[in-house]
Amino acid sequence: MNDNIKKWYIVGIVFIILFGTLLHFTYECSGNNTFVGIFSAVNESTWEHLKLLFWPAFTFQIIEYLFIGKDYNNYVTAKAISFYLGLLLIVSLFYTYTGILGDNCLVMDISIFIISVIISQYIGYKITTASSDVSIVVNIISFIAIVLLALAFVIFTFSPPRIPLFKDPITGGYGI
C-alpha cells in the first residue's frame, strides 16, 4: 500500500507545482475577477504567493482523500502539518535569502517554491504512513487548522493586515 500512497504524493508534487505556477497568472488573466483573486496571487506580496502552494495542495488533498486518504488515520494531521510547513518554508527561505542578498531573484523564488512543495509533501507522506496513529482530537484540531488557514487566505485577500508580509513591493498596496 505504501507504493500506492507514494505515487499519490509524487503526483501531488507535480500537481501543486504546475497548478501553483498557473495561479500566479490567473488573477490578471481573468481581468482581475474578485472570485479568481481568492485563489490566485492578486499582487506580488509574499502572502499572496503563499496561495500558490496552499490552494493547489488543498485541492489535491480533497481528490487524494477520496482515493486513499480515508484509509490513513494520520491523513488530516499530515496534511495540516504539510500545509503549514510548506508555507513556513517559503516565508523563512524567502526572507532569509533576500535579507542576505538585499533583493529577490526570480530563479531563487521559483526554487524556493519547488523545494517547499517537495519537502512539505515528503513530510506529509512520512506522517501519513507513520506506524503510530494520531488521536481523534489531534485530527479535529488539524482539520480546524486547515479550515482557519483557508479562511485566512480568503479574508486577507480583501482585508490584509498592514504589515510587510502582505505589502506588494511593487505598488505598495495590500490585497485587492
C-alpha atoms as a PDB file:
ATOM      1  CA  MET A   1       0.000   0.000   0.000  1.00  0.00           C
ATOM      2  CA  ASN A   2       2.917   2.412   0.621  1.00  0.00           C
ATOM      3  CA  ASP A   3       3.837   2.284  -3.083  1.00  0.00           C
ATOM      4  CA  ASN A   4       0.340   3.484  -3.969  1.00  0.00           C
ATOM      5  CA  ILE A   5       0.431   6.373  -1.496  1.00  0.00           C
ATOM      6  CA  LYS A   6       3.979   7.222  -2.585  1.00  0.00           C
ATOM      7  CA  LYS A   7       2.691   7.592  -6.161  1.00  0.00           C
ATOM      8  CA  TRP A   8      -0.108   9.853  -4.952  1.00  0.00           C
ATOM      9  CA  TYR A   9       2.354  12.101  -3.127  1.00  0.00           C
ATOM     10  CA  ILE A  10       4.608  12.303  -6.196  1.00  0.00           C
ATOM     11  CA  VAL A  11       1.616  13.181  -8.385  1.00  0.00           C
ATOM     12  CA  GLY A  12       0.700  15.735  -5.710  1.00  0.00           C
ATOM     13  CA  ILE A  13       4.099  17.399  -6.018  1.00  0.00           C
ATOM     14  CA  VAL A  14       3.702  17.753  -9.786  1.00  0.00           C
ATOM     15  CA  PHE A  15       0.080  18.932  -9.460  1.00  0.00           C
ATOM     16  CA  ILE A  16       0.926  21.562  -6.835  1.00  0.00           C
ATOM     17  CA  ILE A  17       3.898  22.919  -8.783  1.00  0.00           C
ATOM     18  CA  LEU A  18       2.014  23.120 -12.093  1.00  0.00           C
ATOM     19  CA  PHE A  19      -1.277  24.392 -10.669  1.00  0.00           C
ATOM     20  CA  GLY A  20       0.558  26.797  -8.350  1.00  0.00           C
ATOM     21  CA  THR A  21       2.530  28.232 -11.255  1.00  0.00           C
ATOM     22  CA  LEU A  22      -0.693  28.720 -13.201  1.00  0.00           C
ATOM     23  CA  LEU A  23      -2.295  30.529 -10.248  1.00  0.00           C
ATOM     24  CA  HIS A  24       0.419  33.169 -10.408  1.00  0.00           C
ATOM     25  CA  PHE A  25      -1.167  34.444 -13.617  1.00  0.00           C
ATOM     26  CA  THR A  26      -4.884  33.654 -13.342  1.00  0.00           C
ATOM     27  CA  TYR A  27      -5.988  36.792 -11.487  1.00  0.00           C
ATOM     28  CA  GLU A  28      -4.558  39.149 -14.071  1.00  0.00           C
ATOM     29  CA  CYS A  29      -5.691  36.915 -16.962  1.00  0.00           C
ATOM     30  CA  SER A  30      -9.226  36.882 -15.542  1.00  0.00           C
ATOM     31  CA  GLY A  31      -9.426  40.663 -15.797  1.00  0.00           C
ATOM     32  CA  ASN A  32      -8.934  40.947 -12.021  1.00  0.00           C
ATOM     33  CA  ASN A  33     -12.004  38.863 -11.244  1.00  0.00           C
ATOM     34  CA  THR A  34     -12.658  39.022  -7.500  1.00  0.00           C
ATOM     35  CA  PHE A  35     -13.612  35.348  -7.178  1.00  0.00           C
ATOM     36  CA  VAL A  36     -10.468  34.259  -9.019  1.00  0.00           C
ATOM     37  CA  GLY A  37      -8.493  36.547  -6.698  1.00  0.00           C
ATOM     38  CA  ILE A  38      -9.442  34.428  -3.702  1.00  0.00           C
ATOM     39  CA  PHE A  39      -7.376  31.570  -5.130  1.00  0.00           C
ATOM     40  CA  SER A  40      -4.748  33.456  -7.153  1.00  0.00           C
ATOM     41  CA  ALA A  41      -1.978  35.864  -6.310  1.00  0.00           C
ATOM     42  CA  VAL A  42      -3.580  39.315  -6.611  1.00  0.00           C
ATOM     43  CA  ASN A  43      -0.288  41.155  -6.146  1.00  0.00           C
ATOM     44  CA  GLU A  44       3.406  40.484  -5.592  1.00  0.00           C
ATOM     45  CA  SER A  45       3.300  40.283  -1.787  1.00  0.00           C
ATOM     46  CA  THR A  46       4.796  37.276  -0.064  1.00  0.00           C
ATOM     47  CA  TRP A  47       1.385  36.412   1.412  1.00  0.00           C
ATOM     48  CA  GLU A  48      -0.294  36.292  -1.976  1.00  0.00           C
ATOM     49  CA  HIS A  49       2.421  33.958  -3.245  1.00  0.00           C
ATOM     50  CA  LEU A  50       1.632  31.536  -0.422  1.00  0.00           C
ATOM     51  CA  LYS A  51      -1.674  30.880  -2.190  1.00  0.00           C
ATOM     52  CA  LEU A  52       0.329  29.236  -4.968  1.00  0.00           C
ATOM     53  CA  LEU A  53       1.197  26.398  -2.607  1.00  0.00           C
ATOM     54  CA  PHE A  54      -1.885  26.303  -0.408  1.00  0.00           C
ATOM     55  CA  TRP A  55      -4.794  26.211  -2.869  1.00  0.00           C
ATOM     56  CA  PRO A  56      -3.321  23.546  -5.174  1.00  0.00           C
ATOM     57  CA  ALA A  57      -2.299  21.436  -2.160  1.00  0.00           C
ATOM     58  CA  PHE A  58      -5.753  21.899  -0.623  1.00  0.00           C
ATOM     59  CA  THR A  59      -7.457  20.945  -3.890  1.00  0.00           C
ATOM     60  CA  PHE A  60      -5.265  17.899  -4.352  1.00  0.00           C
ATOM     61  CA  GLN A  61      -5.886  16.873  -0.734  1.00  0.00           C
ATOM     62  CA  ILE A  62      -9.610  16.619  -1.423  1.00  0.00           C
ATOM     63  CA  ILE A  63      -9.063  14.474  -4.510  1.00  0.00           C
ATOM     64  CA  GLU A  64      -6.437  12.354  -2.785  1.00  0.00           C
ATOM     65  CA  TYR A  65      -8.627  11.823   0.269  1.00  0.00           C
ATOM     66  CA  LEU A  66     -11.356  10.254  -1.860  1.00  0.00           C
ATOM     67  CA  PHE A  67      -8.926   7.666  -3.221  1.00  0.00           C
ATOM     68  CA  ILE A  68      -6.510   6.943  -0.373  1.00  0.00           C
ATOM     69  CA  GLY A  69      -6.773   9.447   2.475  1.00  0.00           C
ATOM     70  CA  LYS A  70      -9.680   7.801   4.227  1.00  0.00           C
ATOM     71  CA  ASP A  71      -7.525   4.673   4.640  1.00  0.00           C
ATOM     72  CA  TYR A  72      -4.996   6.505   6.840  1.00  0.00           C
ATOM     73  CA  ASN A  73      -5.777   7.745  10.338  1.00  0.00           C
ATOM     74  CA  ASN A  74      -2.940  10.301  10.140  1.00  0.00           C
ATOM     75  CA  TYR A  75      -4.057  11.798   6.827  1.00  0.00           C
ATOM     76  CA  VAL A  76      -5.715  15.019   8.024  1.00  0.00           C
ATOM     77  CA  THR A  77      -2.956  15.740  10.522  1.00  0.00           C
ATOM     78  CA  ALA A  78      -0.313  15.025   7.885  1.00  0.00           C
ATOM     79  CA  LYS A  79      -1.966  17.483   5.512  1.00  0.00           C
ATOM     80  CA  ALA A  80      -2.276  20.217   8.141  1.00  0.00           C
ATOM     81  CA  ILE A  81       1.390  19.888   9.067  1.00  0.00           C
ATOM     82  CA  SER A  82       2.347  19.702   5.399  1.00  0.00           C
ATOM     83  CA  PHE A  83       0.448  22.899   4.525  1.00  0.00           C
ATOM     84  CA  TYR A  84       1.833  24.922   7.418  1.00  0.00           C
ATOM     85  CA  LEU A  85       5.361  23.601   6.879  1.00  0.00           C
ATOM     86  CA  GLY A  86       5.312  24.452   3.169  1.00  0.00           C
ATOM     87  CA  LEU A  87       4.132  27.984   3.867  1.00  0.00           C
ATOM     88  CA  LEU A  88       6.656  28.463   6.680  1.00  0.00           C
ATOM     89  CA  LEU A  89       9.457  27.250   4.409  1.00  0.00           C
ATOM     90  CA  ILE A  90       8.515  29.721   1.679  1.00  0.00           C
ATOM     91  CA  VAL A  91       8.398  32.651   4.094  1.00  0.00           C
ATOM     92  CA  SER A  92      11.555  31.767   6.019  1.00  0.00           C
ATOM     93  CA  LEU A  93      13.661  30.882   2.974  1.00  0.00           C
ATOM     94  CA  PHE A  94      12.472  33.936   1.024  1.00  0.00           C
ATOM     95  CA  TYR A  95      13.169  36.422   3.800  1.00  0.00           C
ATOM     96  CA  THR A  96      16.480  34.759   4.671  1.00  0.00           C
ATOM     97  CA  TYR A  97      17.925  34.904   1.175  1.00  0.00           C
ATOM     98  CA  THR A  98      16.542  38.378   0.402  1.00  0.00           C
ATOM     99  CA  GLY A  99      17.913  39.578   3.725  1.00  0.00           C
ATOM    100  CA  ILE A 100      21.335  38.276   2.772  1.00  0.00           C
ATOM    101  CA  LEU A 101      21.306  39.462  -0.853  1.00  0.00           C
ATOM    102  CA  GLY A 102      19.288  42.636  -0.307  1.00  0.00           C
ATOM    103  CA  ASP A 103      16.951  41.857  -3.215  1.00  0.00           C
ATOM    104  CA  ASN A 104      14.965  38.996  -4.657  1.00  0.00           C
ATOM    105  CA  CYS A 105      15.829  36.821  -7.634  1.00  0.00           C
ATOM    106  CA  LEU A 106      13.175  35.075  -9.742  1.00  0.00           C
ATOM    107  CA  VAL A 107      15.207  31.855 -10.038  1.00  0.00           C
ATOM    108  CA  MET A 108      15.578  31.716  -6.243  1.00  0.00           C
ATOM    109  CA  ASP A 109      11.865  32.430  -5.746  1.00  0.00           C
ATOM    110  CA  ILE A 110      10.864  29.600  -8.088  1.00  0.00           C
ATOM    111  CA  SER A 111      13.416  27.260  -6.494  1.00  0.00           C
ATOM    112  CA  ILE A 112      12.080  28.036  -3.022  1.00  0.00           C
ATOM    113  CA  PHE A 113       8.539  27.292  -4.185  1.00  0.00           C
ATOM    114  CA  ILE A 114       9.563  23.942  -5.663  1.00  0.00           C
ATOM    115  CA  ILE A 115      11.735  22.975  -2.681  1.00  0.00           C
ATOM    116  CA  SER A 116       8.943  23.918  -0.265  1.00  0.00           C
ATOM    117  CA  VAL A 117       6.412  21.812  -2.179  1.00  0.00           C
ATOM    118  CA  ILE A 118       8.721  18.797  -2.256  1.00  0.00           C
ATOM    119  CA  ILE A 119       9.715  18.990   1.407  1.00  0.00           C
ATOM    120  CA  SER A 120       6.174  19.609   2.631  1.00  0.00           C
ATOM    121  CA  GLN A 121       4.828  16.714   0.560  1.00  0.00           C
ATOM    122  CA  TYR A 122       7.613  14.422   1.764  1.00  0.00           C
ATOM    123  CA  ILE A 123       6.905  15.238   5.407  1.00  0.00           C
ATOM    124  CA  GLY A 124       3.180  14.754   4.753  1.00  0.00           C
ATOM    125  CA  TYR A 125       3.934  11.334   3.278  1.00  0.00           C
ATOM    126  CA  LYS A 126       6.080  10.351   6.276  1.00  0.00           C
ATOM    127  CA  ILE A 127       3.381  11.403   8.753  1.00  0.00           C
ATOM    128  CA  THR A 128       0.610   9.726   6.769  1.00  0.00           C
ATOM    129  CA  THR A 129       2.467   6.422   6.670  1.00  0.00           C
ATOM    130  CA  ALA A 130       3.800   6.575  10.243  1.00  0.00           C
ATOM    131  CA  SER A 131       3.124   3.446  12.248  1.00  0.00           C
ATOM    132  CA  SER A 132       1.635   5.332  15.188  1.00  0.00           C
ATOM    133  CA  ASP A 133      -1.840   6.785  14.800  1.00  0.00           C
ATOM    134  CA  VAL A 134      -2.929  10.200  16.000  1.00  0.00           C
ATOM    135  CA  SER A 135      -5.957  10.647  18.216  1.00  0.00           C
ATOM    136  CA  ILE A 136      -9.318  11.908  17.001  1.00  0.00           C
ATOM    137  CA  VAL A 137      -8.693  15.127  18.961  1.00  0.00           C
ATOM    138  CA  VAL A 138      -5.474  15.766  17.034  1.00  0.00           C
ATOM    139  CA  ASN A 139      -7.282  15.111  13.750  1.00  0.00           C
ATOM    140  CA  ILE A 140     -10.067  17.520  14.721  1.00  0.00           C
ATOM    141  CA  ILE A 141      -7.540  20.212  15.668  1.00  0.00           C
ATOM    142  CA  SER A 142      -5.725  19.581  12.373  1.00  0.00           C
ATOM    143  CA  PHE A 143      -8.958  19.907  10.400  1.00  0.00           C
ATOM    144  CA  ILE A 144      -9.757  23.193  12.174  1.00  0.00           C
ATOM    145  CA  ALA A 145      -6.220  24.431  11.439  1.00  0.00           C
ATOM    146  CA  ILE A 146      -6.727  23.742   7.714  1.00  0.00           C
ATOM    147  CA  VAL A 147     -10.116  25.495   7.698  1.00  0.00           C
ATOM    148  CA  LEU A 148      -8.660  28.508   9.531  1.00  0.00           C
ATOM    149  CA  LEU A 149      -5.842  28.739   7.015  1.00  0.00           C
ATOM    150  CA  ALA A 150      -8.288  28.633   4.100  1.00  0.00           C
ATOM    151  CA  LEU A 151     -10.386  31.340   5.766  1.00  0.00           C
ATOM    152  CA  ALA A 152      -7.288  33.459   6.340  1.00  0.00           C
ATOM    153  CA  PHE A 153      -6.454  33.330   2.638  1.00  0.00           C
ATOM    154  CA  VAL A 154      -9.981  34.426   1.747  1.00  0.00           C
ATOM    155  CA  ILE A 155     -10.236  37.192   4.365  1.00  0.00           C
ATOM    156  CA  PHE A 156      -6.723  38.551   3.837  1.00  0.00           C
ATOM    157  CA  THR A 157      -7.261  38.770   0.087  1.00  0.00           C
ATOM    158  CA  PHE A 158      -9.738  41.576   0.803  1.00  0.00           C
ATOM    159  CA  SER A 159      -8.618  42.898   4.173  1.00  0.00           C
ATOM    160  CA  PRO A 160      -4.957  42.109   4.829  1.00  0.00           C
ATOM    161  CA  PRO A 161      -3.081  43.359   7.884  1.00  0.00           C
ATOM    162  CA  ARG A 162      -0.858  46.334   7.110  1.00  0.00           C
ATOM    163  CA  ILE A 163       2.427  44.526   7.729  1.00  0.00           C
ATOM    164  CA  PRO A 164       5.293  43.771   5.309  1.00  0.00           C
ATOM    165  CA  LEU A 165       4.228  40.147   4.652  1.00  0.00           C
ATOM    166  CA  PHE A 166       1.073  41.460   2.951  1.00  0.00           C
ATOM    167  CA  LYS A 167       2.554  44.518   1.206  1.00  0.00           C
ATOM    168  CA  ASP A 168       3.039  44.456  -2.560  1.00  0.00           C
ATOM    169  CA  PRO A 169       6.666  45.595  -3.024  1.00  0.00           C
ATOM    170  CA  ILE A 170       5.860  46.993  -6.480  1.00  0.00           C
ATOM    171  CA  THR A 171       2.727  49.055  -5.816  1.00  0.00           C
ATOM    172  CA  GLY A 172       2.916  49.436  -2.045  1.00  0.00           C
ATOM    173  CA  GLY A 173      -0.689  48.216  -1.895  1.00  0.00           C
ATOM    174  CA  TYR A 174      -2.347  45.472   0.093  1.00  0.00           C
ATOM    175  CA  GLY A 175      -4.748  42.803  -1.155  1.00  0.00           C
ATOM    176  CA  ILE A 176      -7.332  43.525  -3.835  1.00  0.00           C
END
